[in-house]
N, C-alpha and C. Protein backbone atom coordinates (compact mmCIF):
# COMPACT_ATOMS: atom_id res chain seq x y z
N MET A 1 34.21 143.39 -245.53
CA MET A 1 35.38 143.63 -246.01
C MET A 1 36.41 143.17 -245.42
N GLU A 2 37.29 142.02 -245.82
CA GLU A 2 38.16 141.61 -244.72
C GLU A 2 39.41 142.68 -244.48
N LEU A 3 40.03 142.16 -243.54
CA LEU A 3 41.17 143.06 -243.47
C LEU A 3 42.18 141.69 -242.96
N SER A 4 43.53 142.49 -243.38
CA SER A 4 44.49 141.50 -242.91
C SER A 4 44.69 141.92 -241.93
N ALA A 5 46.10 140.82 -241.07
CA ALA A 5 45.96 140.99 -239.55
C ALA A 5 46.74 142.46 -239.52
N GLN A 6 47.72 142.28 -240.37
CA GLN A 6 48.64 144.00 -240.26
C GLN A 6 47.45 145.03 -240.02
N GLN A 7 46.12 144.86 -241.17
CA GLN A 7 45.58 146.27 -241.55
C GLN A 7 44.43 146.09 -240.06
N GLN A 8 44.35 144.71 -239.44
CA GLN A 8 43.47 145.13 -238.64
C GLN A 8 44.20 146.03 -237.35
N GLN A 9 45.29 145.65 -237.22
CA GLN A 9 46.07 146.17 -236.01
C GLN A 9 46.32 147.88 -236.46
N ARG A 10 46.44 147.95 -237.57
CA ARG A 10 46.43 149.26 -237.64
C ARG A 10 45.31 150.10 -237.48
N MET A 11 44.30 149.13 -237.87
CA MET A 11 42.72 149.90 -237.53
C MET A 11 42.40 149.97 -235.76
N ASP A 12 43.14 149.13 -235.28
CA ASP A 12 42.78 148.91 -233.79
C ASP A 12 43.25 150.20 -233.02
N LYS A 13 44.35 150.73 -233.55
CA LYS A 13 45.15 151.69 -233.30
C LYS A 13 44.43 153.29 -233.52
N LEU A 14 43.45 153.24 -234.27
CA LEU A 14 42.62 154.69 -234.62
C LEU A 14 41.23 154.53 -233.59
N SER A 15 41.01 155.66 -233.60
CA SER A 15 39.64 156.04 -232.29
C SER A 15 38.59 155.16 -233.55
N ASN A 16 37.29 155.18 -232.48
CA ASN A 16 36.49 154.73 -233.14
C ASN A 16 35.51 155.54 -234.23
N ASP A 17 35.57 156.68 -233.85
CA ASP A 17 35.12 157.99 -235.17
C ASP A 17 36.40 157.63 -236.54
N ASP A 18 37.33 157.47 -236.07
CA ASP A 18 38.27 157.09 -237.44
C ASP A 18 37.95 155.94 -238.11
N GLN A 19 37.94 154.75 -237.20
CA GLN A 19 37.47 153.42 -237.91
C GLN A 19 36.33 153.61 -238.89
N LEU A 20 35.30 154.32 -238.08
CA LEU A 20 33.89 154.49 -238.70
C LEU A 20 34.26 155.06 -240.02
N LYS A 21 34.79 156.65 -240.24
CA LYS A 21 35.48 157.09 -241.23
C LYS A 21 36.00 156.46 -242.48
N LEU A 22 36.95 155.53 -241.66
CA LEU A 22 38.31 154.71 -242.90
C LEU A 22 37.21 153.72 -243.47
N LYS A 23 36.38 153.20 -242.46
CA LYS A 23 35.43 151.81 -243.27
C LYS A 23 34.61 152.51 -244.60
N ALA A 24 33.93 153.85 -244.07
CA ALA A 24 33.35 154.37 -245.15
C ALA A 24 33.74 154.47 -245.99
N ILE A 25 34.96 155.19 -246.27
CA ILE A 25 35.67 155.34 -247.22
C ILE A 25 36.00 153.98 -248.04
N MET A 26 36.87 152.75 -246.99
CA MET A 26 36.81 152.13 -248.03
C MET A 26 35.81 151.19 -248.76
N GLN A 27 34.47 151.06 -248.40
CA GLN A 27 33.54 150.96 -248.80
C GLN A 27 33.09 152.00 -250.18
N MET A 28 33.05 153.15 -250.06
CA MET A 28 32.84 153.91 -251.45
C MET A 28 33.96 153.66 -252.60
N MET A 29 34.88 153.21 -251.94
CA MET A 29 36.47 152.71 -253.00
C MET A 29 36.06 151.30 -253.44
N ALA A 30 35.70 150.67 -252.60
CA ALA A 30 34.92 149.49 -253.09
C ALA A 30 33.88 149.58 -254.03
N LYS A 31 32.97 150.45 -254.03
CA LYS A 31 31.61 150.59 -254.45
C LYS A 31 32.50 150.98 -256.27
N GLU A 32 32.95 152.26 -255.98
CA GLU A 32 33.62 152.76 -257.40
C GLU A 32 34.88 151.77 -258.00
N LYS A 33 35.53 151.13 -257.00
CA LYS A 33 36.37 150.07 -258.07
C LYS A 33 35.19 148.87 -258.80
N ASP A 34 33.92 148.17 -258.18
CA ASP A 34 33.14 147.80 -259.06
C ASP A 34 32.35 148.86 -259.95
N ALA A 35 32.30 149.85 -259.91
CA ALA A 35 31.85 150.59 -261.37
C ALA A 35 32.72 150.43 -262.25
N ILE A 36 33.47 150.94 -261.66
CA ILE A 36 34.96 151.11 -262.85
C ILE A 36 35.36 149.30 -263.80
N GLU A 37 34.90 148.32 -263.09
CA GLU A 37 35.01 146.95 -263.41
C GLU A 37 33.88 146.75 -264.55
N LYS A 38 32.71 147.09 -264.15
CA LYS A 38 31.51 147.10 -264.83
C LYS A 38 31.62 147.34 -266.19
N ASP A 39 32.32 149.18 -265.86
CA ASP A 39 32.13 149.87 -267.32
C ASP A 39 33.34 149.17 -268.41
N ALA A 40 34.37 148.75 -267.55
CA ALA A 40 35.37 147.73 -268.50
C ALA A 40 34.31 146.85 -268.93
N ARG A 41 34.02 146.05 -268.23
CA ARG A 41 33.27 144.94 -269.17
C ARG A 41 32.25 145.17 -270.50
N LYS A 42 32.00 146.57 -270.19
CA LYS A 42 31.03 146.64 -271.13
C LYS A 42 31.69 147.08 -272.29
N ALA A 43 32.89 148.59 -271.96
CA ALA A 43 33.71 148.51 -273.21
C ALA A 43 34.00 147.63 -274.05
N LYS A 44 34.48 146.31 -273.08
CA LYS A 44 35.18 145.21 -273.57
C LYS A 44 33.78 144.38 -274.76
N GLY A 45 33.13 144.49 -274.15
CA GLY A 45 31.70 143.84 -275.01
C GLY A 45 31.83 144.53 -276.55
N MET A 46 31.58 146.15 -275.71
CA MET A 46 31.62 146.81 -277.14
C MET A 46 32.31 146.55 -278.00
N MET A 47 33.53 146.30 -277.62
CA MET A 47 34.97 146.74 -278.52
C MET A 47 34.83 145.14 -279.38
N GLU A 48 34.28 144.24 -278.71
CA GLU A 48 34.11 142.49 -279.27
C GLU A 48 33.43 142.64 -280.17
N ASP A 49 31.94 143.42 -280.04
CA ASP A 49 30.82 143.73 -280.73
C ASP A 49 31.69 144.04 -282.41
N GLN A 50 32.24 145.45 -282.16
CA GLN A 50 32.24 146.31 -283.18
C GLN A 50 33.68 145.45 -284.18
N SER A 51 34.34 144.86 -282.96
CA SER A 51 34.82 143.84 -284.15
C SER A 51 34.16 142.68 -284.80
N SER A 52 33.51 142.23 -284.58
CA SER A 52 32.32 141.27 -285.30
C SER A 52 32.12 141.73 -286.91
N ILE A 53 31.65 143.36 -286.38
CA ILE A 53 30.86 143.84 -286.95
C ILE A 53 31.53 144.12 -288.16
N THR A 54 32.98 145.06 -287.79
CA THR A 54 34.25 144.80 -289.23
C THR A 54 34.47 144.28 -289.93
N LYS A 55 34.47 142.87 -289.19
CA LYS A 55 35.01 141.19 -290.04
C LYS A 55 33.80 141.19 -290.96
N GLU A 56 32.63 141.60 -290.53
CA GLU A 56 31.43 141.21 -291.09
C GLU A 56 31.29 142.03 -292.66
N ILE A 57 31.52 143.27 -292.55
CA ILE A 57 31.55 144.23 -293.33
C ILE A 57 32.57 144.20 -293.85
N GLY A 58 34.03 143.63 -294.05
CA GLY A 58 34.83 143.37 -294.58
C GLY A 58 35.02 142.12 -295.58
N PHE A 59 34.22 141.11 -294.85
CA PHE A 59 33.69 140.37 -295.80
C PHE A 59 32.87 140.60 -296.77
N HIS A 60 32.19 141.20 -296.79
CA HIS A 60 31.38 141.61 -298.06
C HIS A 60 32.16 142.55 -299.04
N ILE A 61 32.91 143.30 -298.41
CA ILE A 61 33.87 144.25 -299.61
C ILE A 61 34.68 143.39 -300.18
N ASN A 62 35.31 142.48 -299.61
CA ASN A 62 36.06 141.00 -300.29
C ASN A 62 35.45 140.53 -301.24
N ALA A 63 33.90 140.16 -300.99
CA ALA A 63 33.29 139.43 -302.02
C ALA A 63 32.92 140.32 -302.86
N TYR A 64 32.97 142.02 -303.00
CA TYR A 64 32.99 142.26 -303.86
C TYR A 64 34.09 142.87 -305.16
N LYS A 65 35.13 143.07 -303.95
CA LYS A 65 36.48 142.96 -304.87
C LYS A 65 36.85 141.98 -306.02
N ASP A 66 36.74 140.21 -304.87
CA ASP A 66 36.85 139.26 -305.94
C ASP A 66 35.79 139.14 -306.87
N GLY A 67 34.66 139.47 -307.07
CA GLY A 67 33.53 139.85 -308.24
C GLY A 67 32.61 138.71 -307.93
N THR A 68 32.41 138.08 -306.51
CA THR A 68 31.34 137.38 -306.21
C THR A 68 30.36 137.92 -306.28
N ILE A 69 29.86 139.24 -305.66
CA ILE A 69 28.85 140.00 -305.57
C ILE A 69 29.32 141.39 -306.66
N ASP A 70 27.75 142.17 -306.71
CA ASP A 70 28.22 142.98 -307.28
C ASP A 70 27.73 143.97 -306.82
N VAL A 71 28.04 145.83 -306.59
CA VAL A 71 28.12 146.85 -305.51
C VAL A 71 26.78 146.82 -305.21
N ASP A 72 25.56 146.60 -305.77
CA ASP A 72 24.40 146.57 -305.31
C ASP A 72 23.99 145.74 -303.94
N ASP A 73 24.46 144.57 -304.19
CA ASP A 73 24.48 143.57 -303.25
C ASP A 73 25.55 143.64 -302.05
N MET A 74 26.13 144.36 -302.18
CA MET A 74 27.33 144.79 -301.31
C MET A 74 26.75 145.70 -300.22
N ILE A 75 26.42 146.45 -301.15
CA ILE A 75 25.46 147.74 -300.50
C ILE A 75 24.29 147.25 -299.23
N GLN A 76 23.57 146.64 -299.91
CA GLN A 76 22.12 145.96 -299.45
C GLN A 76 22.89 145.34 -298.11
N ALA A 77 23.84 144.55 -298.47
CA ALA A 77 24.80 143.71 -296.98
C ALA A 77 24.99 144.21 -296.34
N ILE A 78 26.00 145.43 -296.24
CA ILE A 78 26.25 146.31 -295.37
C ILE A 78 25.03 146.97 -294.71
N GLU A 79 24.21 147.22 -295.28
CA GLU A 79 22.95 148.15 -294.66
C GLU A 79 22.38 147.34 -293.60
N GLU A 80 22.28 145.80 -294.29
CA GLU A 80 21.50 144.67 -293.31
C GLU A 80 22.68 144.73 -292.13
N ILE A 81 23.47 144.62 -292.25
CA ILE A 81 24.59 144.57 -291.07
C ILE A 81 23.97 145.94 -289.62
N ILE A 82 24.22 147.30 -290.83
CA ILE A 82 24.51 148.55 -289.64
C ILE A 82 23.21 148.66 -289.29
N TYR A 83 22.16 148.47 -290.31
CA TYR A 83 20.16 148.85 -289.70
C TYR A 83 19.89 147.78 -289.22
N GLY A 84 20.27 146.65 -289.87
CA GLY A 84 19.17 145.84 -289.72
C GLY A 84 18.31 144.75 -290.77
N ARG A 85 17.40 144.37 -290.62
CA ARG A 85 16.67 144.22 -291.64
C ARG A 85 16.17 145.15 -292.71
N VAL A 86 16.61 145.27 -293.81
CA VAL A 86 16.13 145.99 -294.91
C VAL A 86 14.65 145.36 -295.88
N LYS A 87 13.94 146.35 -295.77
CA LYS A 87 12.68 146.08 -296.66
C LYS A 87 12.73 146.06 -298.17
N ALA A 88 12.24 145.46 -298.73
CA ALA A 88 12.57 145.02 -300.33
C ALA A 88 12.22 146.68 -301.26
N PRO A 89 12.61 147.06 -301.85
CA PRO A 89 12.39 148.47 -302.59
C PRO A 89 11.04 148.80 -302.71
N GLY A 90 10.04 147.78 -302.92
CA GLY A 90 8.50 147.89 -303.27
C GLY A 90 7.92 148.11 -302.07
N ASP A 91 8.63 147.92 -300.87
CA ASP A 91 7.92 147.85 -299.68
C ASP A 91 7.87 149.17 -298.90
N ARG A 92 6.88 149.82 -298.96
CA ARG A 92 6.90 151.12 -298.08
C ARG A 92 6.36 151.05 -296.69
N PHE A 93 7.39 151.78 -295.98
CA PHE A 93 6.84 151.77 -294.17
C PHE A 93 5.34 152.18 -293.84
N ASN A 94 4.90 151.11 -293.54
CA ASN A 94 3.51 151.20 -292.86
C ASN A 94 3.20 152.29 -291.52
N GLU A 95 2.59 153.23 -291.87
CA GLU A 95 2.65 154.29 -291.10
C GLU A 95 1.80 154.07 -289.60
N GLN A 96 1.12 152.88 -289.78
CA GLN A 96 0.59 152.57 -288.03
C GLN A 96 1.08 151.79 -287.79
N GLU A 97 2.38 151.09 -288.48
CA GLU A 97 3.70 150.64 -287.40
C GLU A 97 4.47 151.55 -286.37
N MET A 98 4.57 152.65 -286.85
CA MET A 98 4.71 153.65 -286.12
C MET A 98 4.52 153.92 -284.71
N PRO A 99 3.46 154.17 -284.42
CA PRO A 99 2.64 154.36 -282.59
C PRO A 99 3.25 152.94 -281.87
N LYS A 100 2.75 151.86 -282.72
CA LYS A 100 3.11 150.47 -282.06
C LYS A 100 4.55 150.13 -281.53
N MET A 101 5.48 151.31 -282.22
CA MET A 101 6.71 150.65 -281.96
C MET A 101 7.19 152.01 -280.95
N VAL A 102 6.75 153.44 -280.92
CA VAL A 102 6.53 153.93 -279.83
C VAL A 102 5.79 153.67 -278.43
N ASN A 103 4.93 153.14 -278.44
CA ASN A 103 4.12 152.63 -277.55
C ASN A 103 5.27 151.14 -276.91
N SER A 104 5.88 150.44 -277.72
CA SER A 104 5.56 149.45 -277.00
C SER A 104 7.55 150.07 -276.38
N LEU A 105 7.99 150.82 -277.11
CA LEU A 105 9.22 151.31 -276.62
C LEU A 105 9.25 152.30 -274.87
N LYS A 106 8.07 152.92 -275.01
CA LYS A 106 7.78 153.54 -273.92
C LYS A 106 7.39 152.74 -272.91
N ASN A 107 6.68 151.50 -273.35
CA ASN A 107 6.11 150.71 -272.05
C ASN A 107 7.21 149.86 -271.68
N LEU A 108 7.99 149.04 -272.99
CA LEU A 108 9.23 148.81 -272.18
C LEU A 108 10.30 149.70 -271.19
N ILE A 109 10.42 151.09 -271.58
CA ILE A 109 11.16 152.15 -270.42
C ILE A 109 10.38 151.93 -269.18
N ILE A 110 9.30 152.72 -269.35
CA ILE A 110 8.78 152.72 -268.16
C ILE A 110 8.27 151.31 -267.20
N ASN A 111 7.85 150.51 -267.99
CA ASN A 111 7.78 149.28 -266.75
C ASN A 111 9.25 148.75 -266.11
N SER A 112 10.23 148.77 -266.98
CA SER A 112 11.30 148.78 -266.52
C SER A 112 11.69 149.53 -265.21
N LEU A 113 11.45 150.77 -265.52
CA LEU A 113 11.70 151.75 -264.36
C LEU A 113 10.73 151.65 -262.88
N LYS A 114 9.48 151.40 -263.53
CA LYS A 114 8.34 150.91 -262.34
C LYS A 114 9.18 149.36 -261.89
N GLN A 115 9.72 148.52 -262.40
CA GLN A 115 10.18 147.39 -261.46
C GLN A 115 11.38 147.93 -260.59
N MET A 116 12.20 148.44 -261.16
CA MET A 116 13.53 148.91 -260.53
C MET A 116 12.85 149.30 -259.35
N HIS A 117 12.13 150.68 -259.31
CA HIS A 117 11.59 151.94 -258.15
C HIS A 117 10.75 151.01 -257.37
N GLN A 118 10.03 149.87 -257.61
CA GLN A 118 8.81 149.01 -257.19
C GLN A 118 7.33 150.09 -257.32
N GLY A 119 7.59 150.75 -258.70
CA GLY A 119 6.27 151.73 -258.38
C GLY A 119 6.34 152.94 -257.33
N ALA A 120 7.80 153.15 -256.99
CA ALA A 120 7.58 153.96 -255.67
C ALA A 120 7.01 155.65 -256.65
N TYR A 121 7.08 155.92 -257.95
CA TYR A 121 6.63 157.35 -258.03
C TYR A 121 5.42 156.97 -258.96
N ARG A 122 4.42 158.23 -259.10
CA ARG A 122 3.12 158.21 -259.84
C ARG A 122 3.96 158.08 -261.30
N ASP A 123 2.52 157.60 -261.72
CA ASP A 123 2.69 157.49 -263.43
C ASP A 123 3.17 158.59 -264.10
N ASP A 124 2.78 159.48 -263.65
CA ASP A 124 2.82 160.98 -264.87
C ASP A 124 4.82 161.13 -264.32
N ILE A 125 5.31 160.85 -263.33
CA ILE A 125 6.64 160.94 -263.53
C ILE A 125 7.07 160.38 -264.24
N TYR A 126 6.50 158.81 -264.60
CA TYR A 126 7.35 158.19 -265.18
C TYR A 126 7.15 159.09 -266.48
N ASP A 127 5.83 159.49 -267.36
CA ASP A 127 5.64 159.82 -268.41
C ASP A 127 6.47 161.06 -269.06
N SER A 128 6.43 161.67 -267.49
CA SER A 128 7.21 162.98 -267.86
C SER A 128 8.68 162.67 -268.72
N PHE A 129 9.53 161.74 -267.76
CA PHE A 129 10.68 161.55 -267.79
C PHE A 129 10.94 161.08 -269.09
N TYR A 130 10.24 159.90 -269.65
CA TYR A 130 10.20 159.39 -271.21
C TYR A 130 9.53 160.15 -272.28
N THR A 131 9.05 161.14 -271.70
CA THR A 131 8.64 162.57 -272.77
C THR A 131 10.08 163.09 -273.04
N GLU A 132 10.51 163.64 -271.81
CA GLU A 132 12.03 164.56 -271.86
C GLU A 132 13.08 163.58 -272.23
N LEU A 133 13.08 162.56 -272.06
CA LEU A 133 14.22 161.80 -272.84
C LEU A 133 13.97 161.24 -274.84
N MET A 134 12.42 161.47 -274.77
CA MET A 134 12.54 161.09 -276.31
C MET A 134 12.66 162.95 -277.09
N GLN A 135 12.57 164.03 -276.18
CA GLN A 135 12.50 165.22 -276.87
C GLN A 135 14.34 165.18 -276.84
N ASN A 136 15.26 164.67 -275.68
CA ASN A 136 16.52 164.87 -276.10
C ASN A 136 17.03 163.61 -277.28
N VAL A 137 16.38 162.82 -277.39
CA VAL A 137 16.74 161.99 -278.38
C VAL A 137 16.67 162.51 -279.62
N ASP A 138 14.87 163.02 -279.85
CA ASP A 138 15.31 163.91 -281.13
C ASP A 138 15.84 165.13 -281.68
N ALA A 139 16.64 166.01 -280.54
CA ALA A 139 17.34 167.06 -280.72
C ALA A 139 18.67 166.66 -280.55
N GLY A 140 19.16 165.31 -280.54
CA GLY A 140 20.32 164.60 -280.87
C GLY A 140 21.55 164.87 -279.27
N ARG A 141 20.65 165.07 -278.32
CA ARG A 141 21.32 165.59 -277.18
C ARG A 141 21.86 163.92 -276.60
N VAL A 142 21.04 163.23 -276.75
CA VAL A 142 20.84 161.69 -276.27
C VAL A 142 20.86 160.47 -276.93
N GLU A 143 21.72 159.58 -277.00
CA GLU A 143 21.48 158.57 -277.79
C GLU A 143 21.00 157.17 -277.09
N LEU A 144 19.85 156.64 -277.33
CA LEU A 144 19.27 155.54 -276.79
C LEU A 144 20.00 154.35 -276.81
N ASP A 145 21.38 154.10 -278.03
CA ASP A 145 22.12 152.76 -277.90
C ASP A 145 23.20 152.89 -276.92
N GLY A 146 22.74 151.91 -275.35
CA GLY A 146 24.27 152.34 -274.39
C GLY A 146 23.64 152.90 -273.64
N LEU A 147 22.58 153.40 -273.56
CA LEU A 147 22.27 154.64 -272.67
C LEU A 147 22.03 153.87 -271.29
N ASP A 148 22.19 154.30 -270.08
CA ASP A 148 21.58 153.64 -268.90
C ASP A 148 20.75 154.42 -268.06
N ILE A 149 19.42 153.81 -268.88
CA ILE A 149 18.34 154.17 -268.32
C ILE A 149 18.16 154.54 -267.18
N GLU A 150 18.55 153.69 -266.04
CA GLU A 150 18.16 154.06 -264.68
C GLU A 150 19.20 155.29 -264.28
N ASP A 151 20.18 155.31 -264.37
CA ASP A 151 20.92 156.68 -264.39
C ASP A 151 20.54 158.12 -264.78
N GLU A 152 19.45 157.76 -266.05
CA GLU A 152 19.10 159.03 -266.56
C GLU A 152 17.84 159.31 -265.85
N PHE A 153 16.86 157.86 -265.21
CA PHE A 153 16.11 158.54 -264.33
C PHE A 153 16.11 159.02 -263.21
N ASP A 154 17.18 158.83 -262.69
CA ASP A 154 17.83 159.01 -261.29
C ASP A 154 18.46 160.72 -261.43
N ASN A 155 18.71 160.98 -262.58
CA ASN A 155 18.99 162.40 -262.65
C ASN A 155 17.76 163.05 -262.97
N PHE A 156 17.10 162.71 -263.71
CA PHE A 156 15.59 162.99 -263.83
C PHE A 156 15.01 163.76 -262.82
N ILE A 157 15.05 162.63 -261.56
CA ILE A 157 14.47 162.69 -260.24
C ILE A 157 15.06 163.92 -259.45
N SER A 158 17.05 164.04 -259.67
CA SER A 158 17.31 164.69 -258.68
C SER A 158 17.18 166.53 -259.27
N VAL A 159 16.86 166.71 -260.44
CA VAL A 159 16.54 167.62 -261.12
C VAL A 159 15.04 168.21 -260.99
N ASN A 160 14.11 167.58 -260.99
CA ASN A 160 12.72 167.61 -261.03
C ASN A 160 12.49 167.16 -259.62
N ARG A 161 12.68 167.50 -258.48
CA ARG A 161 12.64 167.14 -257.43
C ARG A 161 11.07 167.76 -256.61
N ASP A 162 10.92 169.36 -256.82
CA ASP A 162 9.98 169.69 -256.92
C ASP A 162 8.84 169.09 -257.30
N ASN A 163 8.92 168.55 -258.22
CA ASN A 163 7.74 167.51 -258.77
C ASN A 163 7.62 165.98 -257.94
N VAL A 164 8.55 165.55 -257.58
CA VAL A 164 8.62 164.70 -256.64
C VAL A 164 8.10 165.06 -255.05
N SER A 165 6.82 163.97 -254.82
CA SER A 165 6.74 164.17 -253.27
C SER A 165 7.80 163.48 -252.14
N LEU A 166 7.59 163.87 -251.59
CA LEU A 166 8.78 163.36 -250.22
C LEU A 166 8.79 162.07 -249.71
N GLN A 167 7.99 161.59 -249.70
CA GLN A 167 7.53 159.87 -249.67
C GLN A 167 8.16 159.09 -250.97
N GLU A 168 8.03 160.16 -252.19
CA GLU A 168 8.63 159.10 -253.29
C GLU A 168 9.80 158.84 -253.53
N MET A 169 10.68 160.44 -252.83
CA MET A 169 12.37 160.37 -252.91
C MET A 169 12.67 159.39 -252.03
N LEU A 170 12.05 159.18 -250.84
CA LEU A 170 12.59 158.19 -249.57
C LEU A 170 12.38 156.93 -250.48
N ASP A 171 11.47 156.68 -251.23
CA ASP A 171 11.27 155.19 -251.93
C ASP A 171 12.37 155.05 -252.46
């Protein structure tokens, strides 16, 4: 952390203990500033995404108003924008796809956490976190879209300290 000459003079007038405290406060403020800037960048990106979606939906509504497409085409186009790919009406959902999707989501989340924490926790800790996360999603308490999984996992660990060994907490 770079201090100006004037700031350094004022710092030199403080006791060593006060200097350490002030430096710690300045570091915390810098971290908070970084976090705020990160959140602002995320919000800006989300607004830009929302704007492009709104424009795309507006395009299809205007096409309907102009008579270029019929109401069914407009609805299908908007559903594709909002929900992603839409299957043809005759295509039924293959129920065998569901376990593959769940397993891939579970593996994605757990492998990501293991990589972040370098495997510091037992597999059952990661499994318990995933199970609780999905229960919260199913109950409508949490949305996966935009969720910071690492923060959620850290909160899970702090709440479940009794189930985590001291070595795991130190890692």
